[in-house]
Amino acid sequence: MSILKYALIGAAVVYGVKYITKKRADGSSILDELTEKAPEWINKGKNYVEKTLNEVTDNLQQQRT
């Protein structure tokens, strides 16, 4: 039963990789789109983290006074 489970998981991974790397009509793939947008998402995440940390530190400072 264990071998069957690993075979099914492996088949799902292979299908997923093929789907993500398959070229569309415009010549791009989902993977291309993800790699192009990744830096933008990282910057948005960094901004969100900085904003949240500033809010938390402000709240802590207000509680101490």
PDB file of N, CA and C in Angstrom:
ATOM      1  N   MET A   1       0.817  -1.189   0.000  1.00  0.00           N
ATOM      2  CA  MET A   1       0.000   0.000   0.000  1.00  0.00           C
ATOM      3  C   MET A   1       0.860   1.252   0.000  1.00  0.00           C
ATOM      4  N   SER A   2       1.996   1.175   0.649  1.00  0.00           N
ATOM      5  CA  SER A   2       2.895   2.324   0.733  1.00  0.00           C
ATOM      6  C   SER A   2       3.471   2.683  -0.635  1.00  0.00           C
ATOM      7  N   ILE A   3       3.794   1.674  -1.422  1.00  0.00           N
ATOM      8  CA  ILE A   3       4.356   1.927  -2.754  1.00  0.00           C
ATOM      9  C   ILE A   3       3.323   2.602  -3.638  1.00  0.00           C
ATOM     10  N   LEU A   4       2.077   2.186  -3.538  1.00  0.00           N
ATOM     11  CA  LEU A   4       1.007   2.796  -4.317  1.00  0.00           C
ATOM     12  C   LEU A   4       0.822   4.268  -3.943  1.00  0.00           C
ATOM     13  N   LYS A   5       0.897   4.555  -2.643  1.00  0.00           N
ATOM     14  CA  LYS A   5       0.757   5.927  -2.179  1.00  0.00           C
ATOM     15  C   LYS A   5       1.871   6.802  -2.749  1.00  0.00           C
ATOM     16  N   TYR A   6       3.104   6.331  -2.703  1.00  0.00           N
ATOM     17  CA  TYR A   6       4.238   7.106  -3.233  1.00  0.00           C
ATOM     18  C   TYR A   6       4.164   7.258  -4.746  1.00  0.00           C
ATOM     19  N   ALA A   7       3.645   6.257  -5.424  1.00  0.00           N
ATOM     20  CA  ALA A   7       3.486   6.350  -6.878  1.00  0.00           C
ATOM     21  C   ALA A   7       2.448   7.416  -7.236  1.00  0.00           C
ATOM     22  N   LEU A   8       1.368   7.463  -6.494  1.00  0.00           N
ATOM     23  CA  LEU A   8       0.343   8.474  -6.746  1.00  0.00           C
ATOM     24  C   LEU A   8       0.861   9.883  -6.438  1.00  0.00           C
ATOM     25  N   ILE A   9       1.595  10.028  -5.366  1.00  0.00           N
ATOM     26  CA  ILE A   9       2.175  11.330  -5.026  1.00  0.00           C
ATOM     27  C   ILE A   9       3.163  11.764  -6.100  1.00  0.00           C
ATOM     28  N   GLY A  10       3.993  10.844  -6.561  1.00  0.00           N
ATOM     29  CA  GLY A  10       4.956  11.145  -7.610  1.00  0.00           C
ATOM     30  C   GLY A  10       4.278  11.552  -8.906  1.00  0.00           C
ATOM     31  N   ALA A  11       3.212  10.857  -9.265  1.00  0.00           N
ATOM     32  CA  ALA A  11       2.475  11.199 -10.478  1.00  0.00           C
ATOM     33  C   ALA A  11       1.843  12.582 -10.359  1.00  0.00           C
ATOM     34  N   ALA A  12       1.338  12.917  -9.186  1.00  0.00           N
ATOM     35  CA  ALA A  12       0.742  14.236  -8.975  1.00  0.00           C
ATOM     36  C   ALA A  12       1.795  15.337  -9.079  1.00  0.00           C
ATOM     37  N   VAL A  13       2.979  15.088  -8.556  1.00  0.00           N
ATOM     38  CA  VAL A  13       4.064  16.073  -8.642  1.00  0.00           C
ATOM     39  C   VAL A  13       4.485  16.279 -10.092  1.00  0.00           C
ATOM     40  N   VAL A  14       4.636  15.215 -10.830  1.00  0.00           N
ATOM     41  CA  VAL A  14       5.024  15.320 -12.234  1.00  0.00           C
ATOM     42  C   VAL A  14       3.963  16.081 -13.019  1.00  0.00           C
ATOM     43  N   TYR A  15       2.691  15.788 -12.784  1.00  0.00           N
ATOM     44  CA  TYR A  15       1.605  16.500 -13.470  1.00  0.00           C
ATOM     45  C   TYR A  15       1.639  17.985 -13.114  1.00  0.00           C
ATOM     46  N   GLY A  16       1.863  18.296 -11.848  1.00  0.00           N
ATOM     47  CA  GLY A  16       1.922  19.689 -11.410  1.00  0.00           C
ATOM     48  C   GLY A  16       3.060  20.452 -12.057  1.00  0.00           C
ATOM     49  N   VAL A  17       4.219  19.831 -12.140  1.00  0.00           N
ATOM     50  CA  VAL A  17       5.374  20.481 -12.769  1.00  0.00           C
ATOM     51  C   VAL A  17       5.107  20.713 -14.252  1.00  0.00           C
ATOM     52  N   LYS A  18       4.548  19.728 -14.913  1.00  0.00           N
ATOM     53  CA  LYS A  18       4.237  19.899 -16.336  1.00  0.00           C
ATOM     54  C   LYS A  18       3.203  20.997 -16.552  1.00  0.00           C
ATOM     55  N   TYR A  19       2.204  21.084 -15.667  1.00  0.00           N
ATOM     56  CA  TYR A  19       1.168  22.098 -15.795  1.00  0.00           C
ATOM     57  C   TYR A  19       1.742  23.495 -15.589  1.00  0.00           C
ATOM     58  N   ILE A  20       2.611  23.646 -14.597  1.00  0.00           N
ATOM     59  CA  ILE A  20       3.189  24.956 -14.294  1.00  0.00           C
ATOM     60  C   ILE A  20       4.139  25.421 -15.387  1.00  0.00           C
ATOM     61  N   THR A  21       4.852  24.497 -16.012  1.00  0.00           N
ATOM     62  CA  THR A  21       5.832  24.878 -17.030  1.00  0.00           C
ATOM     63  C   THR A  21       5.282  24.852 -18.445  1.00  0.00           C
ATOM     64  N   LYS A  22       4.017  24.467 -18.614  1.00  0.00           N
ATOM     65  CA  LYS A  22       3.413  24.407 -19.953  1.00  0.00           C
ATOM     66  C   LYS A  22       3.262  25.819 -20.512  1.00  0.00           C
ATOM     67  N   LYS A  23       3.667  25.995 -21.761  1.00  0.00           N
ATOM     68  CA  LYS A  23       3.588  27.299 -22.411  1.00  0.00           C
ATOM     69  C   LYS A  23       2.152  27.580 -22.858  1.00  0.00           C
ATOM     70  N   ARG A  24       1.733  28.812 -22.676  1.00  0.00           N
ATOM     71  CA  ARG A  24       0.411  29.250 -23.118  1.00  0.00           C
ATOM     72  C   ARG A  24       0.489  29.757 -24.548  1.00  0.00           C
ATOM     73  N   ALA A  25      -0.625  30.283 -25.030  1.00  0.00           N
ATOM     74  CA  ALA A  25      -0.681  30.797 -26.405  1.00  0.00           C
ATOM     75  C   ALA A  25       0.263  31.976 -26.605  1.00  0.00           C
ATOM     76  N   ASP A  26       0.475  32.775 -25.547  1.00  0.00           N
ATOM     77  CA  ASP A  26       1.359  33.930 -25.676  1.00  0.00           C
ATOM     78  C   ASP A  26       2.832  33.579 -25.457  1.00  0.00           C
ATOM     79  N   GLY A  27       3.149  32.325 -25.216  1.00  0.00           N
ATOM     80  CA  GLY A  27       4.531  31.882 -25.079  1.00  0.00           C
ATOM     81  C   GLY A  27       5.067  31.917 -23.662  1.00  0.00           C
ATOM     82  N   SER A  28       4.254  32.319 -22.699  1.00  0.00           N
ATOM     83  CA  SER A  28       4.696  32.346 -21.314  1.00  0.00           C
ATOM     84  C   SER A  28       4.058  31.188 -20.546  1.00  0.00           C
ATOM     85  N   SER A  29       4.595  30.927 -19.375  1.00  0.00           N
ATOM     86  CA  SER A  29       4.039  29.870 -18.532  1.00  0.00           C
ATOM     87  C   SER A  29       3.693  30.460 -17.167  1.00  0.00           C
ATOM     88  N   ILE A  30       3.036  29.668 -16.355  1.00  0.00           N
ATOM     89  CA  ILE A  30       2.707  30.106 -15.000  1.00  0.00           C
ATOM     90  C   ILE A  30       3.984  30.352 -14.217  1.00  0.00           C
ATOM     91  N   LEU A  31       4.992  29.522 -14.418  1.00  0.00           N
ATOM     92  CA  LEU A  31       6.264  29.688 -13.730  1.00  0.00           C
ATOM     93  C   LEU A  31       6.932  31.002 -14.115  1.00  0.00           C
ATOM     94  N   ASP A  32       6.871  31.365 -15.396  1.00  0.00           N
ATOM     95  CA  ASP A  32       7.419  32.641 -15.839  1.00  0.00           C
ATOM     96  C   ASP A  32       6.733  33.805 -15.123  1.00  0.00           C
ATOM     97  N   GLU A  33       5.425  33.725 -15.031  1.00  0.00           N
ATOM     98  CA  GLU A  33       4.651  34.775 -14.372  1.00  0.00           C
ATOM     99  C   GLU A  33       5.018  34.882 -12.890  1.00  0.00           C
ATOM    100  N   LEU A  34       5.173  33.736 -12.239  1.00  0.00           N
ATOM    101  CA  LEU A  34       5.538  33.740 -10.827  1.00  0.00           C
ATOM    102  C   LEU A  34       6.925  34.340 -10.598  1.00  0.00           C
ATOM    103  N   THR A  35       7.881  33.992 -11.452  1.00  0.00           N
ATOM    104  CA  THR A  35       9.232  34.519 -11.271  1.00  0.00           C
ATOM    105  C   THR A  35       9.314  36.010 -11.575  1.00  0.00           C
ATOM    106  N   GLU A  36       8.457  36.501 -12.470  1.00  0.00           N
ATOM    107  CA  GLU A  36       8.450  37.933 -12.759  1.00  0.00           C
ATOM    108  C   GLU A  36       7.844  38.732 -11.609  1.00  0.00           C
ATOM    109  N   LYS A  37       6.833  38.191 -10.967  1.00  0.00           N
ATOM    110  CA  LYS A  37       6.130  38.917  -9.919  1.00  0.00           C
ATOM    111  C   LYS A  37       6.714  38.696  -8.527  1.00  0.00           C
ATOM    112  N   ALA A  38       7.628  37.768  -8.365  1.00  0.00           N
ATOM    113  CA  ALA A  38       8.173  37.448  -7.048  1.00  0.00           C
ATOM    114  C   ALA A  38       8.849  38.649  -6.375  1.00  0.00           C
ATOM    115  N   PRO A  39       9.703  39.418  -7.059  1.00  0.00           N
ATOM    116  CA  PRO A  39      10.316  40.571  -6.375  1.00  0.00           C
ATOM    117  C   PRO A  39       9.287  41.588  -5.879  1.00  0.00           C
ATOM    118  N   GLU A  40       8.236  41.794  -6.653  1.00  0.00           N
ATOM    119  CA  GLU A  40       7.176  42.722  -6.232  1.00  0.00           C
ATOM    120  C   GLU A  40       6.500  42.214  -4.964  1.00  0.00           C
ATOM    121  N   TRP A  41       6.212  40.920  -4.908  1.00  0.00           N
ATOM    122  CA  TRP A  41       5.571  40.342  -3.730  1.00  0.00           C
ATOM    123  C   TRP A  41       6.489  40.406  -2.511  1.00  0.00           C
ATOM    124  N   ILE A  42       7.782  40.211  -2.730  1.00  0.00           N
ATOM    125  CA  ILE A  42       8.740  40.283  -1.620  1.00  0.00           C
ATOM    126  C   ILE A  42       8.765  41.689  -1.051  1.00  0.00           C
ATOM    127  N   ASN A  43       8.788  42.694  -1.917  1.00  0.00           N
ATOM    128  CA  ASN A  43       8.789  44.081  -1.438  1.00  0.00           C
ATOM    129  C   ASN A  43       7.503  44.404  -0.689  1.00  0.00           C
ATOM    130  N   LYS A  44       6.365  43.942  -1.191  1.00  0.00           N
ATOM    131  CA  LYS A  44       5.107  44.164  -0.480  1.00  0.00           C
ATOM    132  C   LYS A  44       5.142  43.498   0.893  1.00  0.00           C
ATOM    133  N   GLY A  45       5.700  42.307   0.959  1.00  0.00           N
ATOM    134  CA  GLY A  45       5.805  41.595   2.229  1.00  0.00           C
ATOM    135  C   GLY A  45       6.707  42.313   3.209  1.00  0.00           C
ATOM    136  N   LYS A  46       7.829  42.833   2.719  1.00  0.00           N
ATOM    137  CA  LYS A  46       8.740  43.577   3.585  1.00  0.00           C
ATOM    138  C   LYS A  46       8.071  44.830   4.123  1.00  0.00           C
ATOM    139  N   ASN A  47       7.349  45.540   3.264  1.00  0.00           N
ATOM    140  CA  ASN A  47       6.640  46.739   3.712  1.00  0.00           C
ATOM    141  C   ASN A  47       5.597  46.403   4.772  1.00  0.00           C
ATOM    142  N   TYR A  48       4.890  45.313   4.576  1.00  0.00           N
ATOM    143  CA  TYR A  48       3.879  44.890   5.538  1.00  0.00           C
ATOM    144  C   TYR A  48       4.518  44.539   6.876  1.00  0.00           C
ATOM    145  N   VAL A  49       5.649  43.835   6.843  1.00  0.00           N
ATOM    146  CA  VAL A  49       6.337  43.449   8.077  1.00  0.00           C
ATOM    147  C   VAL A  49       6.825  44.694   8.810  1.00  0.00           C
ATOM    148  N   GLU A  50       7.423  45.633   8.086  1.00  0.00           N
ATOM    149  CA  GLU A  50       7.904  46.855   8.723  1.00  0.00           C
ATOM    150  C   GLU A  50       6.753  47.636   9.352  1.00  0.00           C
ATOM    151  N   LYS A  51       5.643  47.744   8.640  1.00  0.00           N
ATOM    152  CA  LYS A  51       4.480  48.456   9.152  1.00  0.00           C
ATOM    153  C   LYS A  51       3.952  47.789  10.420  1.00  0.00           C
ATOM    154  N   THR A  52       3.850  46.469  10.393  1.00  0.00           N
ATOM    155  CA  THR A  52       3.344  45.732  11.540  1.00  0.00           C
ATOM    156  C   THR A  52       4.282  45.858  12.731  1.00  0.00           C
ATOM    157  N   LEU A  53       5.585  45.758  12.504  1.00  0.00           N
ATOM    158  CA  LEU A  53       6.543  45.900  13.599  1.00  0.00           C
ATOM    159  C   LEU A  53       6.475  47.293  14.213  1.00  0.00           C
ATOM    160  N   ASN A  54       6.343  48.312  13.380  1.00  0.00           N
ATOM    161  CA  ASN A  54       6.227  49.670  13.903  1.00  0.00           C
ATOM    162  C   ASN A  54       4.967  49.826  14.751  1.00  0.00           C
ATOM    163  N   GLU A  55       3.864  49.270  14.309  1.00  0.00           N
ATOM    164  CA  GLU A  55       2.625  49.344  15.084  1.00  0.00           C
ATOM    165  C   GLU A  55       2.758  48.621  16.415  1.00  0.00           C
ATOM    166  N   VAL A  56       3.392  47.467  16.400  1.00  0.00           N
ATOM    167  CA  VAL A  56       3.558  46.690  17.633  1.00  0.00           C
ATOM    168  C   VAL A  56       4.462  47.431  18.604  1.00  0.00           C
ATOM    169  N   THR A  57       5.565  47.968  18.120  1.00  0.00           N
ATOM    170  CA  THR A  57       6.471  48.687  19.022  1.00  0.00           C
ATOM    171  C   THR A  57       5.819  49.952  19.565  1.00  0.00           C
ATOM    172  N   ASP A  58       5.023  50.638  18.742  1.00  0.00           N
ATOM    173  CA  ASP A  58       4.304  51.819  19.226  1.00  0.00           C
ATOM    174  C   ASP A  58       3.306  51.436  20.319  1.00  0.00           C
ATOM    175  N   ASN A  59       2.598  50.354  20.119  1.00  0.00           N
ATOM    176  CA  ASN A  59       1.637  49.891  21.122  1.00  0.00           C
ATOM    177  C   ASN A  59       2.342  49.512  22.425  1.00  0.00           C
ATOM    178  N   LEU A  60       3.488  48.864  22.335  1.00  0.00           N
ATOM    179  CA  LEU A  60       4.236  48.483  23.530  1.00  0.00           C
ATOM    180  C   LEU A  60       4.748  49.718  24.261  1.00  0.00           C
ATOM    181  N   GLN A  61       5.217  50.698  23.523  1.00  0.00           N
ATOM    182  CA  GLN A  61       5.716  51.909  24.166  1.00  0.00           C
ATOM    183  C   GLN A  61       4.586  52.670  24.846  1.00  0.00           C
ATOM    184  N   GLN A  62       3.396  52.675  24.239  1.00  0.00           N
ATOM    185  CA  GLN A  62       2.254  53.350  24.841  1.00  0.00           C
ATOM    186  C   GLN A  62       1.798  52.633  26.113  1.00  0.00           C
ATOM    187  N   GLN A  63       1.913  51.320  26.150  1.00  0.00           N
ATOM    188  CA  GLN A  63       1.509  50.565  27.320  1.00  0.00           C
ATOM    189  C   GLN A  63       2.482  50.785  28.483  1.00  0.00           C
ATOM    190  N   ARG A  64       3.740  51.020  28.195  1.00  0.00           N
ATOM    191  CA  ARG A  64       4.743  51.204  29.241  1.00  0.00           C
ATOM    192  C   ARG A  64       4.613  52.570  29.904  1.00  0.00           C
ATOM    193  N   THR A  65       4.065  53.525  29.207  1.00  0.00           N
ATOM    194  CA  THR A  65       3.948  54.872  29.792  1.00  0.00           C
ATOM    195  C   THR A  65       2.643  55.073  30.492  1.00  0.00           C
TER     196      THR A  65
END
